[in-house]
Protein backbone atom coordinates (compact mmCIF):
# COMPACT_ATOMS: atom_id res chain seq x y z
CA MET A 1 43.18 -1.39 -35.98
CA PRO A 2 45.37 1.57 -37.76
CA THR A 3 44.79 4.70 -37.12
CA THR A 4 44.27 6.30 -40.73
CA ALA A 5 41.13 6.27 -42.93
CA LEU A 6 40.14 2.88 -44.43
CA PRO A 7 38.70 2.92 -47.82
CA GLY A 8 35.81 3.70 -48.40
CA PHE A 9 36.77 6.67 -45.91
CA ASP A 10 39.46 8.01 -47.44
CA GLN A 11 40.81 11.29 -48.18
CA GLU A 12 39.47 11.32 -51.53
CA THR A 13 36.15 9.99 -50.66
CA PHE A 14 36.01 12.19 -47.79
CA ASP A 15 36.79 15.59 -49.99
CA ALA A 16 34.28 14.36 -52.68
CA PHE A 17 31.55 14.18 -49.92
CA VAL A 18 32.02 17.66 -48.93
CA LEU A 19 32.05 19.01 -51.78
CA ALA A 20 29.08 17.32 -53.37
CA ARG A 21 27.09 18.89 -50.20
CA ASP A 22 26.84 22.42 -50.95
CA GLU A 23 27.07 23.55 -47.46
CA PRO A 24 27.71 26.30 -45.58
CA ALA A 25 31.71 27.29 -44.94
CA TRP A 26 30.95 27.03 -40.99
CA VAL A 27 29.73 22.89 -41.81
CA GLN A 28 32.80 22.73 -44.00
CA ARG A 29 34.96 23.95 -41.41
CA GLN A 30 33.58 21.47 -38.46
CA ARG A 31 33.97 18.48 -40.82
CA ARG A 32 37.50 19.12 -41.92
CA SER A 33 38.25 19.24 -38.24
CA ALA A 34 36.74 16.37 -36.94
CA TRP A 35 38.10 14.70 -39.83
CA GLU A 36 41.65 15.72 -38.86
CA ALA A 37 41.06 14.09 -35.10
CA PHE A 38 39.70 11.32 -36.72
CA ASN A 39 42.87 10.55 -38.54
CA SER A 40 44.73 11.19 -35.86
CA LEU A 41 42.57 9.04 -33.16
CA ASP A 42 43.36 5.53 -32.28
CA TRP A 43 40.64 2.95 -32.53
CA PRO A 44 39.36 2.57 -28.93
CA ALA A 45 41.55 0.08 -26.84
CA ARG A 46 40.02 -2.89 -24.88
CA ASP A 47 42.52 -1.34 -22.35
CA HIS A 48 39.65 1.89 -21.36
CA GLU A 49 37.41 1.07 -19.10
CA GLU A 50 34.68 2.67 -21.35
CA TRP A 51 35.75 -0.07 -23.93
CA ARG A 52 37.72 -3.27 -22.01
CA ARG A 53 33.49 -4.87 -21.84
CA THR A 54 33.62 -4.72 -25.83
CA ASP A 55 35.31 -5.89 -28.62
CA ILE A 56 35.55 -4.70 -31.67
CA ARG A 57 38.04 -6.37 -33.32
CA LEU A 58 35.77 -7.68 -36.06
CA PHE A 59 34.66 -4.40 -36.96
CA ARG A 60 35.76 -3.17 -40.59
CA LEU A 61 34.95 0.21 -41.10
CA ASP A 62 35.95 -0.27 -45.45
CA LYS A 63 33.36 -3.01 -45.71
CA TYR A 64 30.85 -0.01 -45.26
CA PRO A 65 30.19 2.78 -48.28
CA LEU A 66 29.09 6.42 -47.77
CA GLY A 67 25.73 7.43 -48.49
CA ALA A 68 24.59 4.64 -50.80
CA ARG A 69 21.90 5.91 -52.28
CA GLN A 70 18.47 4.11 -52.79
CA PRO A 71 15.12 4.51 -53.41
CA LEU A 72 12.58 5.34 -50.59
CA PRO A 73 11.20 2.01 -49.60
CA ALA A 74 7.75 1.41 -47.79
CA VAL A 75 7.93 1.32 -43.80
CA PRO A 76 9.84 -1.88 -42.99
CA ASP A 77 6.94 -4.31 -41.49
CA HIS A 78 9.37 -4.43 -38.25
CA ALA A 79 9.33 -0.71 -37.74
CA LEU A 80 7.96 -0.37 -34.02
CA LEU A 81 5.69 2.56 -34.53
CA ASP A 82 2.24 3.23 -36.67
CA VAL A 83 3.10 5.82 -38.99
CA GLY A 84 -0.74 6.25 -39.75
CA VAL A 85 -1.41 7.73 -36.31
CA PRO A 86 -1.99 11.42 -36.59
CA LEU A 87 1.18 13.77 -36.97
CA GLY A 88 2.41 16.96 -37.05
CA GLY A 89 4.87 15.91 -39.17
CA GLN A 90 7.65 13.75 -40.86
CA SER A 91 11.18 13.07 -41.70
CA ARG A 92 12.52 10.02 -43.37
CA ALA A 93 16.18 8.88 -44.55
CA VAL A 94 17.55 5.84 -46.19
CA ASN A 95 21.62 4.71 -46.12
CA GLY A 96 22.23 8.69 -44.63
CA VAL A 97 20.06 10.26 -47.41
CA PRO A 98 17.45 12.53 -46.96
CA GLN A 99 14.32 11.09 -49.02
CA MET A 100 10.96 13.30 -47.84
CA SER A 101 9.86 15.91 -44.91
CA GLN A 102 6.90 17.45 -43.79
CA LEU A 103 5.17 19.47 -41.43
CA HIS A 104 1.99 20.09 -40.96
CA ALA A 105 0.99 24.18 -42.07
CA LYS A 106 -0.20 25.15 -38.85
CA TRP A 107 3.12 24.21 -37.23
CA SER A 108 5.19 26.09 -40.19
CA ALA A 109 2.84 29.56 -39.38
CA GLN A 110 3.99 29.21 -35.59
CA GLY A 111 7.59 29.25 -36.48
CA VAL A 112 8.37 25.32 -36.37
CA VAL A 113 11.37 23.77 -38.14
CA PHE A 114 11.22 20.46 -39.06
CA GLY A 115 12.95 18.29 -41.67
CA SER A 116 15.65 17.22 -43.24
CA LEU A 117 19.47 18.77 -40.98
CA ASP A 118 20.80 18.20 -44.67
CA THR A 119 18.67 20.67 -46.69
CA LEU A 120 17.64 23.28 -43.39
CA VAL A 121 21.15 23.53 -42.50
CA ARG A 122 21.35 25.59 -45.91
CA GLU A 123 17.89 27.31 -45.41
CA HIS A 124 18.32 28.20 -41.01
CA GLY A 125 22.62 28.21 -40.96
CA ASP A 126 22.29 31.06 -38.26
CA LEU A 127 20.06 28.71 -36.23
CA ILE A 128 21.68 25.99 -36.73
CA GLU A 129 24.89 27.18 -36.41
CA SER A 130 24.83 28.14 -32.72
CA HIS A 131 23.66 24.18 -31.64
CA LEU A 132 25.17 21.78 -33.87
CA PHE A 133 28.19 20.74 -31.76
CA ARG A 134 27.86 23.54 -29.10
CA GLN A 135 26.45 22.38 -26.13
CA ALA A 136 26.10 18.50 -26.45
CA VAL A 137 27.72 16.43 -28.07
CA ASN A 138 31.73 16.49 -28.15
CA ARG A 139 33.07 15.74 -31.93
CA THR A 140 36.34 14.98 -30.80
CA GLY A 141 34.91 12.48 -27.76
CA ASP A 142 36.62 9.76 -29.59
CA LYS A 143 37.19 7.81 -33.20
CA PHE A 144 33.63 6.80 -33.57
CA ALA A 145 32.36 10.32 -32.55
CA ALA A 146 35.01 12.57 -35.29
CA LEU A 147 33.92 10.42 -37.88
CA HIS A 148 30.08 10.94 -37.18
CA ALA A 149 30.92 14.41 -37.19
CA ALA A 150 32.82 14.58 -40.13
CA CYS A 151 30.60 12.82 -42.24
CA TRP A 152 26.88 12.83 -40.59
CA SER A 153 24.19 12.80 -43.45
CA GLY A 154 20.34 11.70 -43.58
CA GLY A 155 19.94 13.68 -39.99
CA HIS A 156 16.80 15.37 -38.76
CA PHE A 157 16.19 18.73 -36.90
CA LEU A 158 13.74 20.30 -34.78
CA TYR A 159 13.22 24.31 -33.61
CA VAL A 160 10.25 24.98 -31.45
CA PRO A 161 9.49 28.92 -30.92
CA ARG A 162 9.64 30.32 -27.77
CA GLY A 163 6.06 29.96 -26.10
CA VAL A 164 5.00 27.54 -28.50
CA ALA A 165 3.78 24.56 -28.27
CA VAL A 166 3.20 21.41 -30.48
CA ASN A 167 0.83 18.96 -29.29
CA GLU A 168 0.99 16.68 -31.94
CA PRO A 169 3.95 14.30 -32.32
CA LEU A 170 6.15 14.66 -34.58
CA HIS A 171 7.84 11.44 -36.18
CA ALA A 172 11.42 10.72 -37.59
CA LEU A 173 12.53 7.82 -39.37
CA SER A 174 15.79 6.40 -40.44
CA VAL A 175 15.98 3.00 -42.97
CA LEU A 176 19.53 1.29 -43.36
CA GLY A 177 19.59 -1.08 -46.39
CA ASP A 178 21.92 -4.20 -46.26
CA GLY A 179 25.54 -3.80 -45.61
CA CYS A 180 25.38 0.32 -46.32
CA SER A 181 25.88 2.63 -43.62
CA ASP A 182 23.78 6.09 -41.47
CA LEU A 183 25.54 8.54 -40.13
CA GLY A 184 22.43 10.54 -39.28
CA HIS A 185 22.45 13.46 -36.87
CA THR A 186 19.44 14.42 -34.56
CA LEU A 187 19.29 17.95 -33.28
CA VAL A 188 16.44 19.37 -31.16
CA VAL A 189 16.36 22.93 -30.06
CA LEU A 190 13.47 23.73 -27.88
CA ASP A 191 13.48 27.80 -26.95
CA GLU A 192 12.50 29.10 -24.27
CA GLY A 193 8.48 28.12 -22.48
CA ALA A 194 8.16 25.54 -26.10
CA GLU A 195 6.73 22.45 -25.71
CA ALA A 196 6.89 19.18 -28.22
CA THR A 197 6.85 15.61 -28.83
CA LEU A 198 9.68 13.86 -30.92
CA MET A 199 9.87 10.30 -31.97
CA CYS A 200 13.04 9.14 -33.66
CA GLU A 201 13.12 5.54 -35.12
CA THR A 202 15.89 3.37 -36.84
CA ALA A 203 15.00 0.04 -38.59
CA SER A 204 16.67 -1.72 -41.17
CA LEU A 205 15.04 -3.02 -44.22
CA ALA A 206 15.54 -6.80 -43.48
CA GLU A 207 15.86 -8.20 -39.92
CA THR A 208 18.88 -9.64 -40.40
CA GLY A 209 20.83 -6.70 -42.33
CA SER A 210 24.01 -5.94 -41.85
CA GLY A 211 25.45 -2.25 -41.77
CA LEU A 212 27.11 0.35 -40.03
CA HIS A 213 25.03 3.52 -37.86
CA ALA A 214 27.55 5.79 -36.26
CA GLY A 215 24.94 8.48 -35.16
CA GLY A 216 24.82 11.22 -32.69
CA MET A 217 21.92 13.02 -31.09
CA GLU A 218 21.64 16.56 -29.61
CA LEU A 219 18.79 17.61 -27.21
CA ILE A 220 18.71 21.33 -25.98
CA LEU A 221 16.36 22.74 -23.74
CA ALA A 222 16.15 26.11 -22.74
CA PRO A 223 14.62 27.58 -19.89
CA ARG A 224 10.83 25.88 -19.22
CA ALA A 225 10.85 23.91 -22.37
CA HIS A 226 9.18 20.61 -22.33
CA LEU A 227 10.04 17.68 -24.36
CA ARG A 228 8.97 14.07 -24.78
CA TYR A 229 11.80 12.25 -26.89
CA VAL A 230 11.54 8.84 -28.13
CA SER A 231 14.53 7.06 -29.36
CA LEU A 232 13.11 3.00 -30.92
CA GLN A 233 16.29 1.16 -32.39
CA ASN A 234 15.69 -1.71 -34.74
CA TRP A 235 18.39 -1.83 -36.31
CA GLY A 236 19.33 -5.70 -38.21
CA GLN A 237 21.09 -8.15 -36.38
CA GLY A 238 24.56 -7.45 -38.50
CA VAL A 239 24.15 -4.08 -37.35
CA TRP A 240 27.44 -2.28 -35.91
CA HIS A 241 25.81 0.57 -33.99
CA PHE A 242 27.93 3.43 -32.46
CA ALA A 243 26.22 6.41 -31.17
CA GLN A 244 26.78 9.85 -29.04
CA GLN A 245 23.49 11.02 -27.64
CA HIS A 246 23.67 14.10 -25.49
CA ALA A 247 20.98 16.19 -23.87
CA ALA A 248 21.37 20.00 -21.97
CA VAL A 249 18.40 21.12 -20.00
CA GLY A 250 18.25 24.41 -19.08
CA GLN A 251 16.43 26.21 -16.21
CA ASP A 252 12.80 24.78 -15.06
CA ALA A 253 12.63 22.52 -18.27
CA THR A 254 11.81 19.15 -18.48
CA LEU A 255 13.06 15.90 -20.36
CA GLN A 256 11.20 12.78 -20.62
CA TRP A 257 13.42 10.24 -22.67
CA THR A 258 12.38 7.00 -24.11
CA SER A 259 15.13 4.65 -25.29
CA SER A 260 14.61 1.26 -26.48
CA ALA A 261 17.60 -0.97 -28.22
CA MET A 262 16.37 -4.48 -29.87
CA GLY A 263 18.49 -4.51 -33.06
CA GLY A 264 22.28 -4.65 -33.85
CA ARG A 265 25.04 -7.14 -33.82
CA LEU A 266 26.70 -4.84 -31.21
CA ALA A 267 25.58 -1.35 -29.94
CA LYS A 268 28.41 1.08 -28.33
CA VAL A 269 26.14 3.98 -27.14
CA ASN A 270 27.10 7.02 -24.72
CA GLN A 271 24.20 8.54 -23.36
CA HIS A 272 24.51 11.71 -21.45
CA VAL A 273 22.23 14.17 -19.80
CA THR A 274 23.45 17.30 -18.21
CA LEU A 275 21.49 19.75 -16.11
CA VAL A 276 22.49 23.00 -16.67
CA GLY A 277 20.01 25.63 -15.12
CA SER A 278 18.70 25.07 -11.45
CA GLY A 279 15.04 23.06 -11.15
CA ALA A 280 15.93 21.15 -14.52
CA SER A 281 14.34 17.81 -14.15
CA CYS A 282 14.64 14.22 -16.42
CA GLN A 283 13.48 11.26 -16.45
CA VAL A 284 15.48 8.66 -18.70
CA ASN A 285 13.66 4.88 -19.38
CA GLY A 286 15.57 2.31 -20.63
CA VAL A 287 14.26 -1.06 -22.75
CA MET A 288 16.90 -3.09 -23.87
CA PHE A 289 15.78 -6.78 -24.95
CA THR A 290 18.78 -9.19 -26.24
CA GLU A 291 19.10 -12.15 -28.46
CA GLY A 292 21.61 -14.53 -30.79
CA LYS A 293 25.07 -12.80 -29.92
CA GLN A 294 24.48 -9.72 -29.54
CA HIS A 295 26.08 -7.14 -27.09
CA PHE A 296 24.58 -3.94 -26.05
CA ALA A 297 27.06 -1.77 -24.07
CA TYR A 298 25.25 1.77 -23.04
CA HIS A 299 27.24 4.26 -20.50
CA THR A 300 24.98 6.94 -18.93
CA LEU A 301 25.60 9.76 -17.49
CA GLN A 302 23.22 12.48 -14.96
CA HIS A 303 25.87 15.41 -14.77
CA HIS A 304 24.19 17.69 -12.31
CA VAL A 305 25.66 21.21 -12.96
CA ALA A 306 23.62 23.80 -11.35
CA ARG A 307 21.41 23.28 -8.22
CA ASN A 308 17.84 21.87 -6.97
CA THR A 309 17.86 19.50 -10.31
CA HIS A 310 16.39 16.15 -10.47
CA SER A 311 17.50 13.67 -12.67
CA ASP A 312 15.86 9.68 -12.57
CA PHE A 313 17.22 7.04 -15.01
CA LEU A 314 15.50 3.59 -15.01
CA TYR A 315 16.86 0.81 -17.20
CA LYS A 316 15.63 -2.66 -17.76
CA ALA A 317 16.99 -5.36 -20.07
CA ALA A 318 16.11 -8.82 -20.97
CA LEU A 319 18.40 -11.02 -22.23
CA GLN A 320 18.50 -14.45 -24.04
CA ASP A 321 20.64 -16.76 -25.53
CA LYS A 322 24.01 -16.11 -25.66
CA SER A 323 23.51 -12.43 -25.35
CA ARG A 324 25.55 -9.42 -23.14
CA THR A 325 24.67 -6.15 -22.01
CA VAL A 326 27.12 -3.83 -20.22
CA TRP A 327 24.94 -1.39 -18.65
CA ARG A 328 27.65 1.49 -16.78
CA GLY A 329 26.01 4.23 -15.25
CA MET A 330 27.02 7.76 -13.51
CA ILE A 331 25.47 10.25 -11.38
CA LYS A 332 27.85 13.35 -11.34
CA VAL A 333 27.41 16.34 -9.46
CA ASP A 334 29.40 19.44 -9.62
CA PRO A 335 30.21 21.58 -5.92
CA ALA A 336 27.72 24.50 -7.23
CA ALA A 337 24.65 21.56 -7.64
CA GLN A 338 23.55 22.02 -4.20
CA LYS A 339 20.01 20.42 -3.75
CA THR A 340 20.80 17.60 -6.45
CA ASN A 341 18.29 14.81 -6.21
CA GLY A 342 19.67 11.95 -8.55
CA TYR A 343 18.15 8.32 -9.18
CA GLN A 344 19.71 5.29 -11.11
CA ARG A 345 18.81 1.68 -11.40
CA ASN A 346 19.33 -1.46 -14.08
CA ASP A 347 17.51 -4.14 -13.57
CA ASN A 348 18.33 -7.54 -15.52
CA LEU A 349 16.36 -10.45 -16.60
CA LEU A 350 18.43 -13.62 -17.77
CA LEU A 351 16.20 -15.70 -19.90
CA SER A 352 19.45 -18.32 -20.34
CA SER A 353 21.91 -19.82 -18.59
CA GLU A 354 24.71 -18.28 -21.25
CA ALA A 355 23.42 -14.94 -21.48
CA ARG A 356 25.26 -12.43 -19.22
CA ALA A 357 24.75 -8.90 -17.88
CA ASP A 358 27.27 -6.74 -16.45
CA SER A 359 25.51 -3.66 -14.44
CA ILE A 360 27.92 -0.83 -13.28
CA PRO A 361 26.36 2.10 -11.31
CA GLY A 362 28.42 4.53 -10.03
CA LEU A 363 28.73 7.92 -8.15
CA GLU A 364 30.63 11.02 -8.27
CA ILE A 365 29.68 13.91 -5.60
CA GLU A 366 31.59 16.99 -5.21
CA ALA A 367 28.65 18.86 -3.11
CA ASP A 368 27.37 18.23 0.55
CA ASP A 369 24.01 18.64 0.14
CA VAL A 370 22.57 15.73 -2.21
CA ARG A 371 20.52 13.12 -2.36
CA CYS A 372 21.55 10.23 -4.40
CA THR A 373 20.58 6.78 -5.07
CA HIS A 374 21.78 3.91 -7.03
CA GLY A 375 20.84 0.27 -7.44
CA SER A 376 21.05 -2.75 -9.80
CA THR A 377 19.42 -6.46 -9.63
CA SER A 378 20.00 -9.38 -11.93
CA GLY A 379 18.12 -12.85 -11.64
CA ARG A 380 16.51 -15.56 -14.08
CA VAL A 381 12.77 -16.11 -13.97
CA ASP A 382 11.49 -17.94 -11.35
CA GLU A 383 10.33 -21.85 -11.82
CA GLU A 384 7.44 -21.43 -9.63
CA MET A 385 5.88 -18.41 -11.68
CA ILE A 386 6.04 -20.50 -14.78
CA PHE A 387 4.31 -23.62 -13.17
CA TYR A 388 1.73 -21.03 -11.03
CA ALA A 389 0.90 -19.95 -14.62
CA GLY A 390 0.85 -23.59 -15.82
CA CYS A 391 -1.90 -24.40 -13.59
CA ARG A 392 -4.25 -22.07 -14.90
CA GLY A 393 -3.97 -23.17 -18.44
CA TYR A 394 -1.37 -21.11 -19.61
CA THR A 395 1.48 -22.54 -21.75
CA ARG A 396 5.09 -22.38 -20.87
CA MET A 397 5.71 -19.81 -23.68
CA GLU A 398 2.87 -17.43 -22.78
CA ALA A 399 4.01 -17.95 -19.04
CA VAL A 400 7.13 -16.58 -19.64
CA GLN A 401 5.73 -13.64 -22.12
CA MET A 402 3.93 -12.75 -19.52
CA ILE A 403 7.14 -12.95 -16.97
CA VAL A 404 9.04 -10.77 -19.26
CA THR A 405 6.10 -8.27 -19.94
CA GLY A 406 5.59 -7.94 -16.36
CA PHE A 407 9.27 -7.39 -15.56
CA PHE A 408 8.95 -4.17 -18.20
CA GLN A 409 6.07 -2.63 -16.74
CA GLN A 410 7.70 -0.84 -14.68
CA VAL A 411 9.35 1.49 -17.39
CA PHE A 412 5.73 0.74 -19.46
CA ASP A 413 4.03 2.59 -16.73
CA ARG A 414 5.94 5.59 -17.08
CA ILE A 415 5.77 6.28 -20.75
CA THR A 416 3.10 8.53 -21.33
CA ILE A 417 2.56 7.90 -25.16
CA ASP A 418 0.14 5.07 -25.34
CA SER A 419 1.56 3.94 -29.45
CA VAL A 420 4.74 3.50 -27.78
CA ARG A 421 4.02 2.23 -24.72
CA GLU A 422 2.09 -1.00 -27.16
CA ALA A 423 4.75 -0.97 -29.77
CA LEU A 424 7.60 -2.11 -27.24
CA SER A 425 5.49 -4.53 -25.27
CA ARG A 426 4.27 -6.15 -28.85
CA ALA A 427 7.79 -6.24 -29.82
CA ILE A 428 9.54 -7.86 -26.62
CA ALA A 429 6.62 -10.20 -26.87
CA ARG A 430 7.02 -11.73 -30.18
CA ARG A 431 10.75 -12.17 -29.65
CA VAL A 432 10.91 -13.89 -26.55
CA ARG A 433 11.01 -18.04 -26.51
CA ASP A 434 11.22 -20.83 -24.29
CA TYR A 435 12.59 -20.21 -21.29
CA GLU A 436 16.37 -22.70 -20.96
């Protein structure tokens, strides 16, 4: 691929985009710096370790416009979460364009800020400037990261002040129309001792819809903060999905991160958690279900910077048809991170003889007083289990659905939000077809 911007994301379009947004000068400087990096960087090469199992030669940036406006649609029927549950606030965007946001008065009265990042960057510029692309996401890490940092729009922002505990979940939804683009950025900042639950969901208007998502996510937890974060990816089957998802967890802070991936043509996601303060802890629960010719590549990093930190990553994937997953995990322990306890595991259930799962766990340890372990399994459904269920009156389809649900149960049991657990279970069960 060429190294210069393609039509639709050319210099003239970018200049008009920046001018129309009326943002603070520091945001414009960030954007223009990232745009220069985008134009100077090469597209990822197949000989790069991170990309050699992921082929994007059919991807064409010029097919997708930047910020196509359209009216706010109803929540797609295939969206995973029931937005009718009691919420403390909501934020929605369509095609990277903000559509609505609301926050309950009792939370705004306590200093909580939640809604469209596009709007709030003008209203709370000093607060956002100290965090946006500062501690987590590297905005020039590769060409997709630079594109996102230059052209992000339709994002969401949550800030919870010191000592405030938001005991109602907040919900953010990003919707993508067929053939459109979404470059949304989610920024979450919890001050010292703050607590919150945020559920972020993505969905296309049509399950078969195409499009581009080049997104970013930053979770920043100050000392003793506690965040439950849910990321549910349910794009249409033709969407190219590229994302940088990073978290920085401070001293004695805890992060529970539930991530699911079921939509998209191709997904390439970097999910990094950095434990920057002593006593920091994170638990990441990952669910992937692939079908057709979907290709999902997830690269996770558990980076232990400070001593006495704990990380626990569990990713499970079920694959049918000719789909493929690539999971490449790394536990990195810095020299100062003594007393580290790190664990990672990836299990894969193959529902087709043509499906493929690549699992590549890794350790990079520079301290000598640690406990770090990893594991991986891949296998097919045992025919004896199907026969056993059939003897008790279940159809073959019902048996396979039960087996797949049971395979994910270990992850479901770790999810403390009932609506998320039930929604994921239903979404996976309805996708399962007869086992070959």
